[in-house]
PDB file of N, CA and C in Angstrom:
ATOM      1  N   UNK A   1     -49.401  35.239  10.455  1.00  0.00           N
ATOM      2  CA  UNK A   1     -49.665  35.544  11.856  1.00  0.00           C
ATOM      3  C   UNK A   1     -51.024  36.214  11.982  1.00  0.00           C
ATOM      4  N   UNK A   2     -51.907  35.580  12.723  1.00  0.00           N
ATOM      5  CA  UNK A   2     -53.244  36.142  12.905  1.00  0.00           C
ATOM      6  C   UNK A   2     -53.396  36.631  14.340  1.00  0.00           C
ATOM      7  N   UNK A   3     -53.969  37.815  14.459  1.00  0.00           N
ATOM      8  CA  UNK A   3     -54.198  38.371  15.781  1.00  0.00           C
ATOM      9  C   UNK A   3     -55.689  38.425  16.061  1.00  0.00           C
ATOM     10  N   UNK A   4     -56.074  37.951  17.234  1.00  0.00           N
ATOM     11  CA  UNK A   4     -57.477  38.018  17.626  1.00  0.00           C
ATOM     12  C   UNK A   4     -57.615  39.061  18.722  1.00  0.00           C
ATOM     13  N   UNK A   5     -58.627  39.887  18.597  1.00  0.00           N
ATOM     14  CA  UNK A   5     -58.849  40.938  19.591  1.00  0.00           C
ATOM     15  C   UNK A   5     -59.531  40.317  20.802  1.00  0.00           C
ATOM     16  N   UNK A   6     -58.767  40.115  21.839  1.00  0.00           N
ATOM     17  CA  UNK A   6     -59.322  39.508  23.045  1.00  0.00           C
ATOM     18  C   UNK A   6     -58.514  39.981  24.248  1.00  0.00           C
ATOM     19  N   UNK A   7     -59.106  39.831  25.418  1.00  0.00           N
ATOM     20  CA  UNK A   7     -58.410  40.219  26.646  1.00  0.00           C
ATOM     21  C   UNK A   7     -57.941  38.984  27.399  1.00  0.00           C
ATOM     22  N   UNK A   8     -57.609  37.970  26.636  1.00  0.00           N
ATOM     23  CA  UNK A   8     -57.118  36.742  27.251  1.00  0.00           C
ATOM     24  C   UNK A   8     -55.690  36.981  27.744  1.00  0.00           C
ATOM     25  N   UNK A   9     -55.436  36.833  29.046  1.00  0.00           N
ATOM     26  CA  UNK A   9     -54.086  37.098  29.582  1.00  0.00           C
ATOM     27  C   UNK A   9     -53.014  36.243  28.908  1.00  0.00           C
ATOM     28  N   UNK A  10     -53.363  35.016  28.569  1.00  0.00           N
ATOM     29  CA  UNK A  10     -52.371  34.143  27.944  1.00  0.00           C
ATOM     30  C   UNK A  10     -51.976  34.659  26.572  1.00  0.00           C
ATOM     31  N   UNK A  11     -52.943  35.098  25.799  1.00  0.00           N
ATOM     32  CA  UNK A  11     -52.630  35.609  24.462  1.00  0.00           C
ATOM     33  C   UNK A  11     -51.852  36.917  24.556  1.00  0.00           C
ATOM     34  N   UNK A  12     -52.200  37.744  25.536  1.00  0.00           N
ATOM     35  CA  UNK A  12     -51.470  39.008  25.719  1.00  0.00           C
ATOM     36  C   UNK A  12     -50.024  38.709  26.122  1.00  0.00           C
ATOM     37  N   UNK A  13     -49.839  37.751  27.005  1.00  0.00           N
ATOM     38  CA  UNK A  13     -48.491  37.387  27.430  1.00  0.00           C
ATOM     39  C   UNK A  13     -47.692  36.816  26.265  1.00  0.00           C
ATOM     40  N   UNK A  14     -48.350  36.022  25.435  1.00  0.00           N
ATOM     41  CA  UNK A  14     -47.668  35.438  24.285  1.00  0.00           C
ATOM     42  C   UNK A  14     -47.257  36.522  23.303  1.00  0.00           C
ATOM     43  N   UNK A  15     -48.136  37.505  23.082  1.00  0.00           N
ATOM     44  CA  UNK A  15     -47.811  38.601  22.167  1.00  0.00           C
ATOM     45  C   UNK A  15     -46.629  39.401  22.694  1.00  0.00           C
ATOM     46  N   UNK A  16     -46.624  39.664  23.993  1.00  0.00           N
ATOM     47  CA  UNK A  16     -45.540  40.454  24.584  1.00  0.00           C
ATOM     48  C   UNK A  16     -44.214  39.700  24.479  1.00  0.00           C
ATOM     49  N   UNK A  17     -44.227  38.419  24.799  1.00  0.00           N
ATOM     50  CA  UNK A  17     -42.985  37.644  24.722  1.00  0.00           C
ATOM     51  C   UNK A  17     -42.516  37.525  23.279  1.00  0.00           C
ATOM     52  N   UNK A  18     -43.477  37.428  22.348  1.00  0.00           N
ATOM     53  CA  UNK A  18     -43.124  37.341  20.929  1.00  0.00           C
ATOM     54  C   UNK A  18     -42.443  38.625  20.470  1.00  0.00           C
ATOM     55  N   UNK A  19     -42.979  39.759  20.887  1.00  0.00           N
ATOM     56  CA  UNK A  19     -42.389  41.052  20.519  1.00  0.00           C
ATOM     57  C   UNK A  19     -41.014  41.208  21.174  1.00  0.00           C
ATOM     58  N   UNK A  20     -40.906  40.804  22.432  1.00  0.00           N
ATOM     59  CA  UNK A  20     -39.621  40.916  23.123  1.00  0.00           C
ATOM     60  C   UNK A  20     -38.567  40.035  22.471  1.00  0.00           C
ATOM     61  N   UNK A  21     -38.968  38.845  22.022  1.00  0.00           N
ATOM     62  CA  UNK A  21     -38.016  37.951  21.362  1.00  0.00           C
ATOM     63  C   UNK A  21     -37.532  38.558  20.059  1.00  0.00           C
ATOM     64  N   UNK A  22     -38.424  39.183  19.315  1.00  0.00           N
ATOM     65  CA  UNK A  22     -38.031  39.810  18.051  1.00  0.00           C
ATOM     66  C   UNK A  22     -37.081  40.979  18.318  1.00  0.00           C
ATOM     67  N   UNK A  23     -37.392  41.774  19.331  1.00  0.00           N
ATOM     68  CA  UNK A  23     -36.529  42.910  19.657  1.00  0.00           C
ATOM     69  C   UNK A  23     -35.152  42.419  20.106  1.00  0.00           C
ATOM     70  N   UNK A  24     -35.132  41.369  20.902  1.00  0.00           N
ATOM     71  CA  UNK A  24     -33.856  40.835  21.378  1.00  0.00           C
ATOM     72  C   UNK A  24     -33.039  40.279  20.216  1.00  0.00           C
ATOM     73  N   UNK A  25     -33.697  39.530  19.338  1.00  0.00           N
ATOM     74  CA  UNK A  25     -32.986  38.944  18.206  1.00  0.00           C
ATOM     75  C   UNK A  25     -32.472  40.028  17.271  1.00  0.00           C
ATOM     76  N   UNK A  26     -33.275  41.034  17.013  1.00  0.00           N
ATOM     77  CA  UNK A  26     -32.852  42.092  16.093  1.00  0.00           C
ATOM     78  C   UNK A  26     -31.681  42.879  16.684  1.00  0.00           C
ATOM     79  N   UNK A  27     -31.736  43.159  17.984  1.00  0.00           N
ATOM     80  CA  UNK A  27     -30.633  43.892  18.610  1.00  0.00           C
ATOM     81  C   UNK A  27     -29.381  43.017  18.640  1.00  0.00           C
ATOM     82  N   UNK A  28     -29.555  41.732  18.872  1.00  0.00           N
ATOM     83  CA  UNK A  28     -28.424  40.809  18.906  1.00  0.00           C
ATOM     84  C   UNK A  28     -27.762  40.729  17.533  1.00  0.00           C
ATOM     85  N   UNK A  29     -28.570  40.653  16.506  1.00  0.00           N
ATOM     86  CA  UNK A  29     -28.030  40.568  15.146  1.00  0.00           C
ATOM     87  C   UNK A  29     -27.351  41.879  14.764  1.00  0.00           C
ATOM     88  N   UNK A  30     -27.955  42.999  15.127  1.00  0.00           N
ATOM     89  CA  UNK A  30     -27.374  44.290  14.766  1.00  0.00           C
ATOM     90  C   UNK A  30     -26.048  44.502  15.505  1.00  0.00           C
ATOM     91  N   UNK A  31     -25.953  43.974  16.710  1.00  0.00           N
ATOM     92  CA  UNK A  31     -24.696  44.096  17.445  1.00  0.00           C
ATOM     93  C   UNK A  31     -23.593  43.294  16.763  1.00  0.00           C
ATOM     94  N   UNK A  32     -23.957  42.170  16.164  1.00  0.00           N
ATOM     95  CA  UNK A  32     -22.955  41.339  15.507  1.00  0.00           C
ATOM     96  C   UNK A  32     -22.624  41.839  14.107  1.00  0.00           C
ATOM     97  N   UNK A  33     -23.394  42.788  13.622  1.00  0.00           N
ATOM     98  CA  UNK A  33     -23.122  43.311  12.286  1.00  0.00           C
ATOM     99  C   UNK A  33     -21.960  44.297  12.307  1.00  0.00           C
ATOM    100  N   UNK A  34     -21.638  44.826  13.470  1.00  0.00           N
ATOM    101  CA  UNK A  34     -20.564  45.808  13.549  1.00  0.00           C
ATOM    102  C   UNK A  34     -19.226  45.142  13.861  1.00  0.00           C
TER     103      UNK A  34
END
């Protein structure tokens, strides 16, 4: 995963959605672990 330092709204939106997806998946998996 390569990150480029830019103020491109599309790249910022993609980074945010990528982080949100990881957080959602991790919380979903942790909920199923119990």
